[in-house]
C-alpha atoms as a PDB file:
ATOM      1  CA  MET A   1      -2.717  -3.641  -9.561  1.00  0.00           C
ATOM      2  CA  ARG A   2      -0.943  -6.828  -8.497  1.00  0.00           C
ATOM      3  CA  ALA A   3      -2.731  -9.106  -6.048  1.00  0.00           C
ATOM      4  CA  VAL A   4      -2.700 -12.638  -4.634  1.00  0.00           C
ATOM      5  CA  GLN A   5      -5.228 -14.945  -6.247  1.00  0.00           C
ATOM      6  CA  PHE A   6      -5.872 -18.639  -6.837  1.00  0.00           C
ATOM      7  CA  SER A   7      -8.026 -20.177  -9.567  1.00  0.00           C
ATOM      8  CA  GLN A   8      -8.016 -23.770  -8.311  1.00  0.00           C
ATOM      9  CA  PHE A   9      -7.976 -25.371  -4.896  1.00  0.00           C
ATOM     10  CA  GLY A  10      -4.864 -27.091  -3.657  1.00  0.00           C
ATOM     11  CA  GLY A  11      -1.532 -26.520  -1.975  1.00  0.00           C
ATOM     12  CA  PRO A  12       0.463 -23.289  -1.775  1.00  0.00           C
ATOM     13  CA  GLU A  13       1.616 -23.819  -5.361  1.00  0.00           C
ATOM     14  CA  VAL A  14      -1.814 -22.719  -6.673  1.00  0.00           C
ATOM     15  CA  LEU A  15      -1.246 -19.169  -5.403  1.00  0.00           C
ATOM     16  CA  GLN A  16      -0.417 -16.605  -8.056  1.00  0.00           C
ATOM     17  CA  ILE A  17       0.365 -12.923  -8.330  1.00  0.00           C
ATOM     18  CA  VAL A  18      -2.062 -11.597 -10.943  1.00  0.00           C
ATOM     19  CA  ASP A  19      -3.041  -8.253 -12.441  1.00  0.00           C
ATOM     20  CA  LEU A  20      -6.507  -7.120 -11.347  1.00  0.00           C
ATOM     21  CA  PRO A  21      -8.440  -3.903 -11.916  1.00  0.00           C
ATOM     22  CA  ASP A  22      -7.826  -1.218  -9.309  1.00  0.00           C
ATOM     23  CA  PRO A  23     -10.590  -1.216  -6.664  1.00  0.00           C
ATOM     24  CA  HIS A  24     -12.426   1.966  -5.684  1.00  0.00           C
ATOM     25  CA  PRO A  25     -14.036   2.794  -2.343  1.00  0.00           C
ATOM     26  CA  GLY A  26     -17.764   3.016  -1.795  1.00  0.00           C
ATOM     27  CA  PRO A  27     -19.581   5.247   0.693  1.00  0.00           C
ATOM     28  CA  GLY A  28     -17.751   5.437   4.012  1.00  0.00           C
ATOM     29  CA  GLU A  29     -14.753   3.481   2.700  1.00  0.00           C
ATOM     30  CA  VAL A  30     -11.160   4.415   1.931  1.00  0.00           C
ATOM     31  CA  ARG A  31      -8.644   2.932  -0.461  1.00  0.00           C
ATOM     32  CA  ILE A  32      -5.078   2.447   0.673  1.00  0.00           C
ATOM     33  CA  GLN A  33      -1.763   1.809  -0.953  1.00  0.00           C
ATOM     34  CA  VAL A  34      -1.081  -1.388   0.959  1.00  0.00           C
ATOM     35  CA  ARG A  35       2.183  -1.546   2.840  1.00  0.00           C
ATOM     36  CA  ALA A  36       1.448  -4.749   4.769  1.00  0.00           C
ATOM     37  CA  ALA A  37      -1.348  -7.320   4.904  1.00  0.00           C
ATOM     38  CA  GLY A  38      -2.012 -10.007   7.477  1.00  0.00           C
ATOM     39  CA  VAL A  39      -2.043 -13.746   6.743  1.00  0.00           C
ATOM     40  CA  ASN A  40      -4.392 -15.966   8.749  1.00  0.00           C
ATOM     41  CA  ALA A  41      -5.315 -19.638   8.985  1.00  0.00           C
ATOM     42  CA  SER A  42      -8.515 -18.863   7.100  1.00  0.00           C
ATOM     43  CA  ASP A  43      -6.348 -18.074   4.053  1.00  0.00           C
ATOM     44  CA  TRP A  44      -5.102 -21.634   3.633  1.00  0.00           C
ATOM     45  CA  LYS A  45      -8.515 -23.023   4.525  1.00  0.00           C
ATOM     46  CA  LYS A  46      -9.956 -20.973   1.667  1.00  0.00           C
ATOM     47  CA  ARG A  47      -7.134 -22.116  -0.624  1.00  0.00           C
ATOM     48  CA  GLN A  48      -7.907 -25.742   0.252  1.00  0.00           C
ATOM     49  CA  GLY A  49     -11.581 -25.291  -0.647  1.00  0.00           C
ATOM     50  CA  LEU A  50     -12.833 -25.626   2.926  1.00  0.00           C
ATOM     51  CA  MET A  51     -14.734 -22.342   2.992  1.00  0.00           C
ATOM     52  CA  ASP A  52     -15.907 -20.555  -0.144  1.00  0.00           C
ATOM     53  CA  PRO A  53     -16.569 -22.797  -3.189  1.00  0.00           C
ATOM     54  CA  ALA A  54     -16.304 -19.945  -5.722  1.00  0.00           C
ATOM     55  CA  LEU A  55     -13.296 -19.493  -7.993  1.00  0.00           C
ATOM     56  CA  PRO A  56     -11.138 -17.523  -8.505  1.00  0.00           C
ATOM     57  CA  GLN A  57     -10.531 -16.060  -5.041  1.00  0.00           C
ATOM     58  CA  THR A  58      -8.410 -13.295  -3.617  1.00  0.00           C
ATOM     59  CA  LEU A  59      -7.087 -13.286  -0.061  1.00  0.00           C
ATOM     60  CA  GLY A  60      -6.619 -10.957   2.877  1.00  0.00           C
ATOM     61  CA  TYR A  61      -8.958  -9.260   5.352  1.00  0.00           C
ATOM     62  CA  GLU A  62      -6.565  -7.021   7.302  1.00  0.00           C
ATOM     63  CA  ALA A  63      -4.091  -4.445   6.051  1.00  0.00           C
ATOM     64  CA  ALA A  64      -2.233  -1.248   6.810  1.00  0.00           C
ATOM     65  CA  GLY A  65      -1.211   1.446   4.383  1.00  0.00           C
ATOM     66  CA  ILE A  66      -1.586   4.997   3.118  1.00  0.00           C
ATOM     67  CA  VAL A  67      -4.946   6.454   2.091  1.00  0.00           C
ATOM     68  CA  ASP A  68      -4.960   7.376  -1.598  1.00  0.00           C
ATOM     69  CA  GLU A  69      -8.686   7.591  -2.390  1.00  0.00           C
ATOM     70  CA  LEU A  70     -11.743   8.525  -0.313  1.00  0.00           C
ATOM     71  CA  GLY A  71     -15.226   7.129  -0.749  1.00  0.00           C
ATOM     72  CA  PRO A  72     -18.308   9.356  -0.641  1.00  0.00           C
ATOM     73  CA  GLY A  73     -19.089  10.719   2.806  1.00  0.00           C
ATOM     74  CA  VAL A  74     -15.704  10.005   4.392  1.00  0.00           C
ATOM     75  CA  THR A  75     -14.841  12.767   6.869  1.00  0.00           C
ATOM     76  CA  ASP A  76     -12.562  10.953   9.329  1.00  0.00           C
ATOM     77  CA  ALA A  77      -9.642  10.343   6.959  1.00  0.00           C
ATOM     78  CA  ALA A  78      -7.616  12.345   4.462  1.00  0.00           C
ATOM     79  CA  LEU A  79      -5.348  11.515   1.563  1.00  0.00           C
ATOM     80  CA  GLY A  80      -1.935  10.518   2.881  1.00  0.00           C
ATOM     81  CA  ASP A  81      -3.194   9.271   6.254  1.00  0.00           C
ATOM     82  CA  ARG A  82      -1.669   6.083   7.647  1.00  0.00           C
ATOM     83  CA  VAL A  83      -4.514   3.732   8.584  1.00  0.00           C
ATOM     84  CA  PHE A  84      -5.135   0.071   9.342  1.00  0.00           C
ATOM     85  CA  GLY A  85      -8.277  -2.009   9.325  1.00  0.00           C
ATOM     86  CA  PHE A  86     -10.491  -4.508   7.515  1.00  0.00           C
ATOM     87  CA  CYS A  87     -11.021  -5.223   3.832  1.00  0.00           C
ATOM     88  CA  ASN A  88     -14.500  -6.750   3.563  1.00  0.00           C
ATOM     89  CA  ALA A  89     -13.803  -7.917   0.022  1.00  0.00           C
ATOM     90  CA  GLY A  90     -11.102 -10.302   1.243  1.00  0.00           C
ATOM     91  CA  ALA A  91      -8.599  -8.764  -1.147  1.00  0.00           C
ATOM     92  CA  ALA A  92      -6.118  -7.012   1.133  1.00  0.00           C
ATOM     93  CA  GLN A  93      -3.098  -8.988  -0.114  1.00  0.00           C
ATOM     94  CA  ALA A  94      -2.580  -6.617  -3.013  1.00  0.00           C
ATOM     95  CA  GLU A  95      -1.029  -3.312  -3.968  1.00  0.00           C
ATOM     96  CA  LEU A  96      -4.329  -1.515  -3.351  1.00  0.00           C
ATOM     97  CA  ALA A  97      -7.161  -2.406  -0.980  1.00  0.00           C
ATOM     98  CA  VAL A  98     -10.460  -0.885   0.083  1.00  0.00           C
ATOM     99  CA  LEU A  99     -10.994  -0.717   3.831  1.00  0.00           C
ATOM    100  CA  ALA A 100     -14.561  -0.658   5.080  1.00  0.00           C
ATOM    101  CA  TYR A 101     -13.486  -0.305   8.731  1.00  0.00           C
ATOM    102  CA  TYR A 102     -10.309   1.528   9.645  1.00  0.00           C
ATOM    103  CA  ALA A 103      -8.579   3.617  12.270  1.00  0.00           C
ATOM    104  CA  PRO A 104      -5.556   5.921  12.278  1.00  0.00           C
ATOM    105  CA  MET A 105      -2.290   4.092  12.823  1.00  0.00           C
ATOM    106  CA  PRO A 106      -0.731   5.023  16.171  1.00  0.00           C
ATOM    107  CA  SER A 107       2.579   6.784  15.600  1.00  0.00           C
ATOM    108  CA  ALA A 108       4.452   4.059  17.481  1.00  0.00           C
ATOM    109  CA  LEU A 109       3.276   1.330  15.091  1.00  0.00           C
ATOM    110  CA  GLY A 110       4.964   0.293  11.879  1.00  0.00           C
ATOM    111  CA  PHE A 111       2.929  -1.000   8.972  1.00  0.00           C
ATOM    112  CA  GLU A 112       3.789  -4.657   9.547  1.00  0.00           C
ATOM    113  CA  VAL A 113       2.729  -4.649  13.198  1.00  0.00           C
ATOM    114  CA  ALA A 114      -0.394  -2.624  12.408  1.00  0.00           C
ATOM    115  CA  ALA A 115      -1.423  -5.129   9.723  1.00  0.00           C
ATOM    116  CA  SER A 116      -1.026  -7.973  12.216  1.00  0.00           C
ATOM    117  CA  LEU A 117      -3.555  -6.552  14.680  1.00  0.00           C
ATOM    118  CA  PRO A 118      -7.101  -6.062  13.328  1.00  0.00           C
ATOM    119  CA  ALA A 119      -8.405  -9.647  13.211  1.00  0.00           C
ATOM    120  CA  ALA A 120      -7.005 -10.743  16.574  1.00  0.00           C
ATOM    121  CA  LEU A 121      -7.955  -7.502  18.321  1.00  0.00           C
ATOM    122  CA  GLU A 122     -11.508  -7.406  17.006  1.00  0.00           C
ATOM    123  CA  THR A 123     -12.148 -11.087  17.725  1.00  0.00           C
ATOM    124  CA  ALA A 124     -10.809 -10.790  21.273  1.00  0.00           C
ATOM    125  CA  ALA A 125     -12.722  -7.612  22.099  1.00  0.00           C
ATOM    126  CA  ARG A 126     -15.944  -8.964  20.563  1.00  0.00           C
ATOM    127  CA  VAL A 127     -15.848 -12.147  22.616  1.00  0.00           C
ATOM    128  CA  LEU A 128     -15.001 -10.318  25.842  1.00  0.00           C
ATOM    129  CA  ASP A 129     -18.035  -8.100  25.227  1.00  0.00           C
ATOM    130  CA  GLN A 130     -20.244 -11.107  24.504  1.00  0.00           C
ATOM    131  CA  LEU A 131     -19.035 -12.823  27.666  1.00  0.00           C
ATOM    132  CA  GLY A 132     -19.525  -9.657  29.705  1.00  0.00           C
ATOM    133  CA  VAL A 133     -15.981  -9.672  31.070  1.00  0.00           C
ATOM    134  CA  THR A 134     -15.538  -6.733  33.441  1.00  0.00           C
ATOM    135  CA  ARG A 135     -13.448  -5.738  36.442  1.00  0.00           C
ATOM    136  CA  GLY A 136     -13.268  -8.454  39.081  1.00  0.00           C
ATOM    137  CA  ALA A 137     -14.296 -11.325  36.792  1.00  0.00           C
ATOM    138  CA  THR A 138     -12.174 -14.452  36.431  1.00  0.00           C
ATOM    139  CA  LEU A 139     -11.700 -15.465  32.800  1.00  0.00           C
ATOM    140  CA  LEU A 140     -10.071 -18.648  31.528  1.00  0.00           C
ATOM    141  CA  VAL A 141      -8.616 -18.491  28.012  1.00  0.00           C
ATOM    142  CA  ASN A 142      -7.992 -21.893  26.419  1.00  0.00           C
ATOM    143  CA  GLY A 143      -5.282 -21.262  23.843  1.00  0.00           C
ATOM    144  CA  ALA A 144      -3.904 -18.152  25.503  1.00  0.00           C
ATOM    145  CA  SER A 145      -0.552 -17.898  23.746  1.00  0.00           C
ATOM    146  CA  GLY A 146      -1.729 -17.504  20.134  1.00  0.00           C
ATOM    147  CA  ASN A 147      -2.588 -14.243  18.410  1.00  0.00           C
ATOM    148  CA  ILE A 148      -6.237 -14.110  19.481  1.00  0.00           C
ATOM    149  CA  GLY A 149      -5.608 -15.653  22.885  1.00  0.00           C
ATOM    150  CA  ALA A 150      -2.815 -13.242  23.767  1.00  0.00           C
ATOM    151  CA  ALA A 151      -4.951 -10.297  22.669  1.00  0.00           C
ATOM    152  CA  ALA A 152      -7.856 -11.545  24.797  1.00  0.00           C
ATOM    153  CA  VAL A 153      -5.613 -11.987  27.834  1.00  0.00           C
ATOM    154  CA  GLN A 154      -4.287  -8.446  27.610  1.00  0.00           C
ATOM    155  CA  LEU A 155      -7.613  -6.772  26.865  1.00  0.00           C
ATOM    156  CA  ALA A 156      -9.223  -8.644  29.768  1.00  0.00           C
ATOM    157  CA  VAL A 157      -6.421  -7.666  32.144  1.00  0.00           C
ATOM    158  CA  ALA A 158      -6.803  -4.059  30.981  1.00  0.00           C
ATOM    159  CA  ARG A 159     -10.487  -4.301  31.974  1.00  0.00           C
ATOM    160  CA  GLY A 160      -9.479  -5.379  35.453  1.00  0.00           C
ATOM    161  CA  ALA A 161     -10.250  -9.086  35.096  1.00  0.00           C
ATOM    162  CA  ARG A 162      -8.219 -11.956  36.488  1.00  0.00           C
ATOM    163  CA  VAL A 163      -7.082 -14.263  33.681  1.00  0.00           C
ATOM    164  CA  ILE A 164      -6.068 -17.916  33.734  1.00  0.00           C
ATOM    165  CA  GLY A 165      -4.372 -18.904  30.498  1.00  0.00           C
ATOM    166  CA  VAL A 166      -4.098 -22.443  29.106  1.00  0.00           C
ATOM    167  CA  ALA A 167      -1.041 -23.043  26.935  1.00  0.00           C
ATOM    168  CA  SER A 168       1.987 -25.302  26.587  1.00  0.00           C
ATOM    169  CA  ARG A 169       4.505 -25.123  29.414  1.00  0.00           C
ATOM    170  CA  ALA A 170       7.009 -23.605  27.000  1.00  0.00           C
ATOM    171  CA  ARG A 171       4.813 -20.506  26.825  1.00  0.00           C
ATOM    172  CA  PHE A 172       4.332 -19.978  30.564  1.00  0.00           C
ATOM    173  CA  ASP A 173       6.797 -17.088  30.778  1.00  0.00           C
ATOM    174  CA  ASP A 174       5.020 -15.379  27.899  1.00  0.00           C
ATOM    175  CA  LEU A 175       1.662 -15.687  29.645  1.00  0.00           C
ATOM    176  CA  LEU A 176       3.040 -14.375  32.920  1.00  0.00           C
ATOM    177  CA  ALA A 177       4.407 -11.362  31.063  1.00  0.00           C
ATOM    178  CA  LEU A 178       0.936 -10.729  29.618  1.00  0.00           C
ATOM    179  CA  GLY A 179      -0.628 -10.809  33.080  1.00  0.00           C
ATOM    180  CA  ALA A 180      -2.163 -14.314  33.045  1.00  0.00           C
ATOM    181  CA  GLN A 181      -1.788 -17.208  35.472  1.00  0.00           C
ATOM    182  CA  PRO A 182      -0.711 -20.151  33.312  1.00  0.00           C
ATOM    183  CA  VAL A 183      -1.927 -23.744  33.340  1.00  0.00           C
ATOM    184  CA  ALA A 184      -0.801 -26.464  30.961  1.00  0.00           C
ATOM    185  CA  TYR A 185      -2.692 -28.387  28.317  1.00  0.00           C
ATOM    186  CA  GLY A 186      -3.328 -32.027  29.110  1.00  0.00           C
ATOM    187  CA  GLU A 187      -5.251 -34.344  31.361  1.00  0.00           C
ATOM    188  CA  SER A 188      -4.424 -32.332  34.475  1.00  0.00           C
ATOM    189  CA  MET A 189      -5.642 -29.004  33.039  1.00  0.00           C
ATOM    190  CA  LEU A 190      -8.909 -29.128  34.985  1.00  0.00           C
ATOM    191  CA  ASP A 191      -7.112 -29.844  38.266  1.00  0.00           C
ATOM    192  CA  GLN A 192      -4.582 -27.072  37.636  1.00  0.00           C
ATOM    193  CA  ALA A 193      -7.320 -24.570  36.910  1.00  0.00           C
ATOM    194  CA  ARG A 194      -9.344 -25.577  39.970  1.00  0.00           C
ATOM    195  CA  ALA A 195      -6.250 -25.181  42.127  1.00  0.00           C
ATOM    196  CA  LEU A 196      -6.111 -21.555  40.996  1.00  0.00           C
ATOM    197  CA  ALA A 197      -9.889 -21.022  41.109  1.00  0.00           C
ATOM    198  CA  PRO A 198     -11.466 -23.531  43.527  1.00  0.00           C
ATOM    199  CA  ALA A 199     -14.945 -22.094  43.006  1.00  0.00           C
ATOM    200  CA  GLY A 200     -14.596 -22.216  39.237  1.00  0.00           C
ATOM    201  CA  VAL A 201     -14.291 -19.347  36.798  1.00  0.00           C
ATOM    202  CA  ASP A 202     -16.834 -16.765  35.700  1.00  0.00           C
ATOM    203  CA  ARG A 203     -16.275 -16.975  31.968  1.00  0.00           C
ATOM    204  CA  VAL A 204     -14.323 -19.075  29.429  1.00  0.00           C
ATOM    205  CA  LEU A 205     -13.001 -18.285  25.961  1.00  0.00           C
ATOM    206  CA  ASP A 206     -11.951 -21.259  23.834  1.00  0.00           C
ATOM    207  CA  VAL A 207      -9.459 -20.314  21.136  1.00  0.00           C
ATOM    208  CA  ALA A 208      -7.647 -23.660  20.918  1.00  0.00           C
ATOM    209  CA  GLY A 209     -10.587 -25.752  19.706  1.00  0.00           C
ATOM    210  CA  ASN A 210      -8.960 -28.866  21.136  1.00  0.00           C
ATOM    211  CA  GLY A 211     -12.138 -30.726  22.051  1.00  0.00           C
ATOM    212  CA  ILE A 212     -12.332 -29.967  25.764  1.00  0.00           C
ATOM    213  CA  LEU A 213     -15.552 -27.941  25.845  1.00  0.00           C
ATOM    214  CA  PRO A 214     -17.130 -30.270  28.483  1.00  0.00           C
ATOM    215  CA  ASP A 215     -14.231 -29.508  30.860  1.00  0.00           C
ATOM    216  CA  LEU A 216     -14.506 -25.798  30.130  1.00  0.00           C
ATOM    217  CA  ILE A 217     -18.253 -25.867  30.806  1.00  0.00           C
ATOM    218  CA  ALA A 218     -17.568 -27.640  34.090  1.00  0.00           C
ATOM    219  CA  LEU A 219     -15.194 -24.876  35.111  1.00  0.00           C
ATOM    220  CA  ALA A 220     -17.658 -22.138  34.184  1.00  0.00           C
ATOM    221  CA  GLY A 221     -20.668 -23.931  35.645  1.00  0.00           C
ATOM    222  CA  ASP A 222     -22.875 -23.281  32.612  1.00  0.00           C
ATOM    223  CA  ALA A 223     -22.487 -23.573  28.839  1.00  0.00           C
ATOM    224  CA  ARG A 224     -23.862 -20.030  28.551  1.00  0.00           C
ATOM    225  CA  HIS A 225     -20.674 -18.765  30.184  1.00  0.00           C
ATOM    226  CA  VAL A 226     -18.438 -20.290  27.507  1.00  0.00           C
ATOM    227  CA  ILE A 227     -17.722 -19.014  23.997  1.00  0.00           C
ATOM    228  CA  THR A 228     -15.572 -20.685  21.360  1.00  0.00           C
ATOM    229  CA  VAL A 229     -14.105 -19.216  18.202  1.00  0.00           C
ATOM    230  CA  ALA A 230     -12.519 -22.492  17.100  1.00  0.00           C
ATOM    231  CA  ASP A 231     -14.844 -25.470  17.650  1.00  0.00           C
ATOM    232  CA  VAL A 232     -18.002 -25.265  15.517  1.00  0.00           C
ATOM    233  CA  ALA A 233     -18.987 -28.911  15.955  1.00  0.00           C
ATOM    234  CA  GLY A 234     -18.330 -28.876  19.683  1.00  0.00           C
ATOM    235  CA  ALA A 235     -20.348 -25.713  20.100  1.00  0.00           C
ATOM    236  CA  ARG A 236     -23.375 -27.354  18.492  1.00  0.00           C
ATOM    237  CA  GLN A 237     -22.966 -30.534  20.502  1.00  0.00           C
ATOM    238  CA  HIS A 238     -22.598 -28.878  23.892  1.00  0.00           C
ATOM    239  CA  GLY A 239     -24.779 -25.797  23.546  1.00  0.00           C
ATOM    240  CA  VAL A 240     -21.880 -23.339  23.518  1.00  0.00           C
ATOM    241  CA  ARG A 241     -21.987 -20.113  21.547  1.00  0.00           C
ATOM    242  CA  PHE A 242     -19.707 -19.935  18.523  1.00  0.00           C
ATOM    243  CA  SER A 243     -18.731 -16.310  17.944  1.00  0.00           C
ATOM    244  CA  ARG A 244     -18.557 -14.986  14.390  1.00  0.00           C
ATOM    245  CA  GLY A 245     -17.859 -11.582  12.930  1.00  0.00           C
ATOM    246  CA  ASP A 246     -21.486 -11.260  11.866  1.00  0.00           C
ATOM    247  CA  ASP A 247     -22.456 -11.277  15.559  1.00  0.00           C
ATOM    248  CA  GLY A 248     -21.571  -7.562  15.561  1.00  0.00           C
ATOM    249  CA  ARG A 249     -17.993  -6.394  15.326  1.00  0.00           C
ATOM    250  CA  ALA A 250     -16.053  -4.705  18.147  1.00  0.00           C
ATOM    251  CA  LEU A 251     -14.365  -2.272  15.783  1.00  0.00           C
ATOM    252  CA  TYR A 252     -13.909   0.355  18.487  1.00  0.00           C
ATOM    253  CA  VAL A 253     -10.864  -1.554  19.719  1.00  0.00           C
ATOM    254  CA  LEU A 254      -8.804  -0.466  16.697  1.00  0.00           C
ATOM    255  CA  ALA A 255      -8.934   3.120  17.919  1.00  0.00           C
ATOM    256  CA  GLN A 256      -7.937   2.085  21.455  1.00  0.00           C
ATOM    257  CA  ILE A 257      -4.848   0.043  20.747  1.00  0.00           C
ATOM    258  CA  GLY A 258      -2.464   2.976  20.445  1.00  0.00           C
ATOM    259  CA  GLU A 259      -3.088   4.155  23.990  1.00  0.00           C
ATOM    260  CA  LEU A 260      -3.030   0.622  25.366  1.00  0.00           C
ATOM    261  CA  ALA A 261       0.321  -0.024  23.698  1.00  0.00           C
ATOM    262  CA  THR A 262       1.954   3.252  24.725  1.00  0.00           C
ATOM    263  CA  THR A 263       0.815   2.841  28.346  1.00  0.00           C
ATOM    264  CA  GLY A 264       2.221  -0.685  28.538  1.00  0.00           C
ATOM    265  CA  LYS A 265      -1.165  -2.398  28.782  1.00  0.00           C
ATOM    266  CA  PHE A 266      -0.747  -4.199  25.459  1.00  0.00           C
ATOM    267  CA  ARG A 267       2.407  -5.860  24.179  1.00  0.00           C
ATOM    268  CA  LEU A 268       2.569  -5.661  20.416  1.00  0.00           C
ATOM    269  CA  PRO A 269       2.986  -9.048  18.742  1.00  0.00           C
ATOM    270  CA  ALA A 270       6.072 -10.299  17.009  1.00  0.00           C
ATOM    271  CA  VAL A 271       5.653 -10.525  13.249  1.00  0.00           C
ATOM    272  CA  GLN A 272       7.231 -12.718  10.608  1.00  0.00           C
ATOM    273  CA  SER A 273       7.063 -10.998   7.261  1.00  0.00           C
ATOM    274  CA  PHE A 274       7.380 -12.146   3.660  1.00  0.00           C
ATOM    275  CA  PRO A 275       7.262 -10.107   0.445  1.00  0.00           C
ATOM    276  CA  LEU A 276       3.914 -10.383  -1.322  1.00  0.00           C
ATOM    277  CA  GLY A 277       5.480 -12.577  -4.000  1.00  0.00           C
ATOM    278  CA  GLU A 278       6.455 -15.135  -1.350  1.00  0.00           C
ATOM    279  CA  VAL A 279       2.895 -15.697  -0.144  1.00  0.00           C
ATOM    280  CA  ALA A 280       3.182 -19.419  -0.930  1.00  0.00           C
ATOM    281  CA  GLN A 281       6.088 -19.711   1.507  1.00  0.00           C
ATOM    282  CA  ALA A 282       4.118 -17.818   4.152  1.00  0.00           C
ATOM    283  CA  HIS A 283       1.352 -20.420   3.768  1.00  0.00           C
ATOM    284  CA  ARG A 284       3.834 -23.268   4.117  1.00  0.00           C
ATOM    285  CA  VAL A 285       5.272 -21.793   7.288  1.00  0.00           C
ATOM    286  CA  GLY A 286       1.845 -21.126   8.771  1.00  0.00           C
ATOM    287  CA  GLU A 287       0.364 -24.506   7.913  1.00  0.00           C
ATOM    288  CA  ALA A 288       3.386 -26.305   9.336  1.00  0.00           C
ATOM    289  CA  GLY A 289       3.115 -24.385  12.619  1.00  0.00           C
ATOM    290  CA  ARG A 290       6.594 -22.913  12.132  1.00  0.00           C
ATOM    291  CA  ALA A 291       5.676 -19.222  12.318  1.00  0.00           C
ATOM    292  CA  THR A 292       7.786 -17.207  14.751  1.00  0.00           C
ATOM    293  CA  GLY A 293       5.205 -14.422  14.908  1.00  0.00           C
ATOM    294  CA  LYS A 294       2.044 -13.230  13.204  1.00  0.00           C
ATOM    295  CA  LEU A 295       2.462 -13.791   9.467  1.00  0.00           C
ATOM    296  CA  VAL A 296       2.442 -10.614   7.386  1.00  0.00           C
ATOM    297  CA  LEU A 297       2.995  -9.881   3.693  1.00  0.00           C
ATOM    298  CA  THR A 298       4.838  -6.698   2.806  1.00  0.00           C
ATOM    299  CA  VAL A 299       3.944  -4.797  -0.335  1.00  0.00           C
ATOM    300  CA  GLY A 300       6.211  -2.491  -2.279  1.00  0.00           C
ATOM    301  CA  ASP A 301       9.021  -2.633  -4.796  1.00  0.00           C
ATOM    302  CA  GLY A 302      10.352  -6.036  -5.716  1.00  0.00           C
ATOM    303  CA  ILE A 303       7.114  -8.004  -5.414  1.00  0.00           C
ATOM    304  CA  GLY A 304       8.458 -10.253  -8.165  1.00  0.00           C
ATOM    305  CA  GLY A 305       7.288 -13.757  -8.897  1.00  0.00           C
ATOM    306  CA  ILE A 306       5.799 -16.319  -6.596  1.00  0.00           C
ATOM    307  CA  GLY A 307       7.851 -19.436  -7.122  1.00  0.00           C
ATOM    308  CA  GLU A 308       5.777 -22.324  -8.443  1.00  0.00           C
ATOM    309  CA  GLY A 309       2.675 -20.212  -8.931  1.00  0.00           C
ATOM    310  CA  GLY A 310       4.346 -17.601 -11.099  1.00  0.00           C
ATOM    311  CA  ARG A 311       2.723 -14.343 -12.141  1.00  0.00           C
ATOM    312  CA  ALA A 312      -0.274 -14.506 -14.428  1.00  0.00           C
ATOM    313  CA  PRO A 313      -2.793 -12.018 -15.801  1.00  0.00           C
ATOM    314  CA  ALA A 314      -6.348 -12.339 -14.552  1.00  0.00           C
ATOM    315  CA  GLU A 315      -9.192 -12.735 -16.969  1.00  0.00           C
ATOM    316  CA  GLY A 316     -10.768  -9.389 -17.652  1.00  0.00           C
ATOM    317  CA  ALA A 317      -7.905  -7.462 -16.074  1.00  0.00           C
ATOM    318  CA  ALA A 318      -7.656  -3.867 -17.194  1.00  0.00           C
END
């Protein structure tokens, strides 16, 4: 199969389309013919050598496609099913991928939108669970207009919470449409938030990682009421929990999104898609902050070359 891989750290030009052996599912897993795979900031961090030191590396943790092989013990999927979910191997940006966690694709979703959802949905739902956000709570989301932030806003509103969202003023209309009360980044953020919630807020989610954890703690009244998914150093310094996937995943949310979307409780994100062979360009757009939606790679005919990286065989490829 063809897949994205890099064998040295560097810029987008190190990305290649290579031939790798076809993967096969283990117990409880399914293999899909990938139709779309999500691209996240962690992809270029890995490519830059900021995460895993091993080489070579594949990319991609979320994908949508058609089931073409079942692992032992699988009873909740059948060949030909359309599913979306997580590839634990980090190799979803390929023609074939093994999903360890998956759910049926709602009929209203296309492959590209479905592939854009798993990471943001799971992260948002996990943190809301960890914060104990329920009906009647007031939640502040710092970084409310991005993929994770927007998902958190909508899932919290669906739970019956009041949400204050911190974003740039240019995104205020978007936040209002999602059900949040917007406040702007900057020195007056604390005053704006206190004007909306004079007694403070019950819980805070930091997605922006912009170094304002002390202000967020002040709003929540206690560091235990704040969780960040973006500021590792700040979390250590200020006693705030940093939420990771190994904290226990909120995978149940994948099965809920169809109903939330069809009932108008969740607005599906815009996506900006590139063919698999243009993964380097997707990285350039994402790193430069020029994405007009969640970045997604489409897989199918015409994968072609990859520009500077070219197409190369992998060592040991079948």
